[in-house]
């Protein structure tokens, strides 16, 4: 049986917003907004912020490489070196973390799987031969971990109850399962306090990670394994562990 909606309120609010866009955009764009529903936009405003520019040529090359498990010769500029340099990588997945796009890829220079910010690639990727370093060999990527999120215990009982209701927590707990390399992004996007410093101003960290030690024991270091990190920054990030 066809199912148009999962019954989530976010779906309805998004449709209302798209109906508003339909009222002010061209007819060609509006074809994607299901105008026949006549939902009426109902005073909806969604925050629209600039996105990072990613060259379509880069996207095309990375997608082709990921599909064929190919090595790619591409130029990349990082914050650590501030200079453009050539990299041979083997991309396997394009990831959107809610703020920016990056690609998960094996880096031949570093000898490990890293996250490359897609807006920092330069030029046109040169597709090379096939590689053995595919997604199935990315151990961290193929490891699922579950975070247990709870209201900050330093809030009052009433405040904790409000926070629990905000996230529809089950008995004051919310379970979040992610691939290990993506857990850091997920917790940051939800603004979950996971470094243990949440007691001084609990209102600024209303939700915290309860099972931090358990995740660390499973190998989750909460550090960004990014090609952009300087050694000093990488060490500082590892301090979460």
Protein backbone atom coordinates (compact mmCIF):
# COMPACT_ATOMS: atom_id res chain seq x y z
CA UNK A 1 0.00 0.00 0.00
CA UNK A 2 1.52 3.34 -1.02
CA UNK A 3 2.38 5.56 1.90
CA UNK A 4 2.85 9.28 1.36
CA UNK A 5 3.85 10.25 4.88
CA UNK A 6 5.37 8.68 7.97
CA UNK A 7 3.09 10.80 10.13
CA UNK A 8 5.85 13.08 11.42
CA UNK A 9 5.01 16.70 12.08
CA UNK A 10 8.28 17.81 10.45
CA UNK A 11 6.99 16.47 7.12
CA UNK A 12 3.84 18.59 7.36
CA UNK A 13 5.69 21.75 8.38
CA UNK A 14 8.18 21.29 5.55
CA UNK A 15 5.33 20.94 3.06
CA UNK A 16 3.78 24.14 4.39
CA UNK A 17 7.06 25.93 3.90
CA UNK A 18 7.36 24.62 0.36
CA UNK A 19 3.87 25.89 -0.40
CA UNK A 20 5.08 29.32 0.72
CA UNK A 21 8.03 29.02 -1.64
CA UNK A 22 5.62 28.00 -4.38
CA UNK A 23 3.83 31.31 -3.94
CA UNK A 24 6.96 33.34 -4.66
CA UNK A 25 9.03 31.13 -6.97
CA UNK A 26 8.70 30.25 -10.62
CA UNK A 27 6.20 27.69 -11.83
CA UNK A 28 9.01 25.38 -12.94
CA UNK A 29 10.46 25.23 -9.43
CA UNK A 30 7.02 24.78 -7.94
CA UNK A 31 6.46 21.51 -9.76
CA UNK A 32 8.46 19.85 -6.99
CA UNK A 33 6.26 21.20 -4.20
CA UNK A 34 3.02 19.33 -4.91
CA UNK A 35 0.94 22.49 -5.45
CA UNK A 36 -2.24 20.47 -6.05
CA UNK A 37 -2.42 19.78 -2.31
CA UNK A 38 -3.31 23.44 -1.70
CA UNK A 39 -1.98 23.24 1.87
CA UNK A 40 -1.60 27.01 2.24
CA UNK A 41 1.68 27.96 3.79
CA UNK A 42 0.29 28.97 7.19
CA UNK A 43 2.93 31.44 8.38
CA UNK A 44 5.94 29.14 8.14
CA UNK A 45 9.51 30.42 7.99
CA UNK A 46 12.54 28.15 7.79
CA UNK A 47 16.07 29.38 8.36
CA UNK A 48 17.97 29.58 5.10
CA UNK A 49 21.73 30.04 5.41
CA UNK A 50 24.46 30.03 2.75
CA UNK A 51 25.89 26.64 1.91
CA UNK A 52 29.52 25.91 1.14
CA UNK A 53 30.31 25.92 -2.55
CA UNK A 54 31.18 22.55 -4.04
CA UNK A 55 32.27 22.38 -7.67
CA UNK A 56 30.01 20.02 -9.68
CA UNK A 57 33.13 18.71 -11.44
CA UNK A 58 34.43 17.55 -8.06
CA UNK A 59 31.14 15.85 -7.21
CA UNK A 60 30.99 14.02 -10.52
CA UNK A 61 34.52 12.68 -10.16
CA UNK A 62 34.09 11.59 -6.55
CA UNK A 63 30.78 9.86 -7.26
CA UNK A 64 32.28 7.96 -10.19
CA UNK A 65 35.26 6.94 -8.07
CA UNK A 66 33.07 5.79 -5.19
CA UNK A 67 30.92 3.68 -7.49
CA UNK A 68 33.93 2.02 -9.08
CA UNK A 69 36.18 1.93 -5.98
CA UNK A 70 38.77 3.90 -7.93
CA UNK A 71 41.82 5.80 -6.80
CA UNK A 72 41.59 9.54 -7.42
CA UNK A 73 44.38 12.05 -7.92
CA UNK A 74 43.00 15.37 -6.73
CA UNK A 75 44.26 18.64 -5.29
CA UNK A 76 43.17 19.57 -1.78
CA UNK A 77 43.76 22.64 0.37
CA UNK A 78 43.70 22.16 4.13
CA UNK A 79 43.57 24.57 7.04
CA UNK A 80 46.69 23.02 8.53
CA UNK A 81 49.02 23.64 5.58
CA UNK A 82 47.10 26.51 3.94
CA UNK A 83 48.52 25.27 0.65
CA UNK A 84 47.11 23.26 -2.23
CA UNK A 85 48.65 19.82 -2.55
CA UNK A 86 48.00 16.65 -4.49
CA UNK A 87 46.31 13.71 -2.78
CA UNK A 88 45.61 10.19 -3.89
CA UNK A 89 42.41 9.07 -2.20
CA UNK A 90 39.85 6.30 -2.56
CA UNK A 91 36.41 7.78 -1.79
CA UNK A 92 33.57 5.52 -0.74
CA UNK A 93 30.76 7.71 0.67
CA UNK A 94 29.62 11.33 0.39
CA UNK A 95 28.32 12.57 3.75
CA UNK A 96 26.17 15.56 4.69
CA UNK A 97 26.40 16.39 8.38
CA UNK A 98 23.67 19.04 8.38
CA UNK A 99 26.13 21.86 7.77
CA UNK A 100 28.55 20.80 5.05
CA UNK A 101 29.38 17.98 2.66
CA UNK A 102 32.46 15.85 3.09
CA UNK A 103 33.67 12.62 1.56
CA UNK A 104 34.85 9.61 3.51
CA UNK A 105 37.91 8.27 1.74
CA UNK A 106 41.07 6.28 2.20
CA UNK A 107 44.07 8.62 2.14
CA UNK A 108 47.18 7.02 0.68
CA UNK A 109 49.35 9.78 2.17
CA UNK A 110 48.15 9.15 5.74
CA UNK A 111 47.43 5.45 5.31
CA UNK A 112 43.98 5.69 6.92
CA UNK A 113 40.37 6.61 6.24
CA UNK A 114 39.69 10.33 6.70
CA UNK A 115 37.01 12.96 6.12
CA UNK A 116 37.72 15.45 3.33
CA UNK A 117 35.67 18.67 3.18
CA UNK A 118 34.32 18.76 -0.36
CA UNK A 119 34.48 22.55 -0.72
CA UNK A 120 38.27 22.35 -0.33
CA UNK A 121 39.02 20.22 -3.36
CA UNK A 122 40.53 22.10 -6.28
CA UNK A 123 40.70 21.40 -9.99
CA UNK A 124 39.32 18.31 -11.68
CA UNK A 125 39.74 14.83 -10.17
CA UNK A 126 41.82 12.42 -12.22
CA UNK A 127 40.38 8.92 -12.00
CA UNK A 128 43.05 6.23 -11.74
CA UNK A 129 42.97 2.46 -11.30
CA UNK A 130 40.92 0.36 -8.91
CA UNK A 131 41.91 0.07 -5.26
CA UNK A 132 41.57 -2.55 -2.57
CA UNK A 133 40.71 0.10 0.02
CA UNK A 134 36.94 0.08 -0.27
CA UNK A 135 34.15 0.78 2.16
CA UNK A 136 34.17 -2.79 3.46
CA UNK A 137 37.71 -2.27 4.79
CA UNK A 138 36.85 0.92 6.67
CA UNK A 139 36.48 -0.70 10.09
CA UNK A 140 35.31 2.43 11.89
CA UNK A 141 32.71 3.18 9.20
CA UNK A 142 31.27 -0.32 9.51
CA UNK A 143 31.07 -0.13 13.30
CA UNK A 144 27.77 1.07 14.75
CA UNK A 145 27.76 2.66 18.19
CA UNK A 146 24.83 3.81 20.29
CA UNK A 147 24.86 6.97 22.38
CA UNK A 148 22.61 7.27 25.42
CA UNK A 149 21.44 10.86 25.74
CA UNK A 150 19.77 12.17 28.90
CA UNK A 151 18.76 15.55 30.32
CA UNK A 152 21.55 17.30 32.19
CA UNK A 153 21.28 15.98 35.78
CA UNK A 154 22.33 19.40 37.09
CA UNK A 155 19.03 20.84 35.89
CA UNK A 156 16.07 20.87 38.25
CA UNK A 157 13.68 17.92 38.13
CA UNK A 158 11.10 20.07 36.38
CA UNK A 159 13.60 21.26 33.80
CA UNK A 160 14.73 17.71 33.13
CA UNK A 161 11.14 16.66 32.54
CA UNK A 162 10.71 19.47 30.00
CA UNK A 163 13.87 18.47 28.15
CA UNK A 164 12.82 14.81 28.14
CA UNK A 165 9.49 15.80 26.59
CA UNK A 166 11.26 17.95 23.98
CA UNK A 167 12.99 14.86 22.61
CA UNK A 168 10.21 12.35 23.34
CA UNK A 169 12.61 10.44 25.56
CA UNK A 170 11.65 7.01 26.84
CA UNK A 171 11.95 7.06 30.63
CA UNK A 172 14.36 9.98 30.41
CA UNK A 173 16.66 8.34 27.85
CA UNK A 174 17.19 8.80 24.11
CA UNK A 175 19.21 6.25 22.14
CA UNK A 176 21.09 7.46 19.07
CA UNK A 177 22.81 4.90 16.82
CA UNK A 178 25.37 6.06 14.27
CA UNK A 179 28.40 4.86 12.38
CA UNK A 180 31.42 5.48 14.58
CA UNK A 181 32.99 8.25 12.42
CA UNK A 182 29.65 10.08 12.28
CA UNK A 183 28.89 10.06 16.00
CA UNK A 184 30.93 13.21 16.59
CA UNK A 185 28.93 15.08 13.94
CA UNK A 186 25.61 13.82 15.27
CA UNK A 187 26.33 14.85 18.86
CA UNK A 188 27.59 18.26 17.78
CA UNK A 189 24.54 18.87 15.59
CA UNK A 190 22.25 18.01 18.51
CA UNK A 191 24.45 20.15 20.79
CA UNK A 192 24.96 17.24 23.15
CA UNK A 193 27.58 17.85 25.83
CA UNK A 194 30.01 14.93 25.59
CA UNK A 195 33.23 16.26 27.11
CA UNK A 196 32.16 16.02 30.75
CA UNK A 197 31.99 19.80 31.25
CA UNK A 198 28.28 20.28 31.75
CA UNK A 199 27.83 21.08 35.44
CA UNK A 200 28.76 24.78 35.58
CA UNK A 201 26.03 26.14 33.28
CA UNK A 202 23.55 23.29 32.81
CA UNK A 203 21.08 25.49 30.91
CA UNK A 204 23.69 25.83 28.16
CA UNK A 205 24.03 22.04 27.92
CA UNK A 206 20.50 20.71 28.47
CA UNK A 207 21.29 17.25 27.08
CA UNK A 208 24.40 15.20 27.79
CA UNK A 209 26.01 11.92 26.81
CA UNK A 210 25.53 9.40 29.60
CA UNK A 211 27.51 6.41 28.30
CA UNK A 212 30.69 8.22 27.30
CA UNK A 213 32.97 5.68 29.00
CA UNK A 214 31.15 2.79 27.31
CA UNK A 215 31.58 4.34 23.86
CA UNK A 216 35.26 5.00 24.52
CA UNK A 217 35.68 1.34 25.46
CA UNK A 218 34.17 0.42 22.08
CA UNK A 219 36.76 2.57 20.32
CA UNK A 220 34.84 5.80 19.85
CA UNK A 221 37.30 8.64 20.52
CA UNK A 222 34.97 11.53 19.59
CA UNK A 223 37.75 13.04 17.51
CA UNK A 224 37.41 14.33 14.00
CA UNK A 225 39.64 12.26 11.73
CA UNK A 226 39.81 14.99 9.15
CA UNK A 227 42.46 15.77 6.57
CA UNK A 228 42.29 19.39 7.76
CA UNK A 229 43.44 18.89 11.33
CA UNK A 230 46.86 19.98 12.49
CA UNK A 231 48.63 17.49 14.79
CA UNK A 232 48.04 19.76 17.78
CA UNK A 233 44.33 20.03 17.04
CA UNK A 234 44.02 16.28 16.55
CA UNK A 235 45.63 15.67 19.93
CA UNK A 236 43.30 18.15 21.57
CA UNK A 237 40.29 16.42 20.01
CA UNK A 238 41.50 13.09 21.34
CA UNK A 239 41.32 14.57 24.82
CA UNK A 240 37.62 13.70 24.80
CA UNK A 241 38.72 10.11 25.16
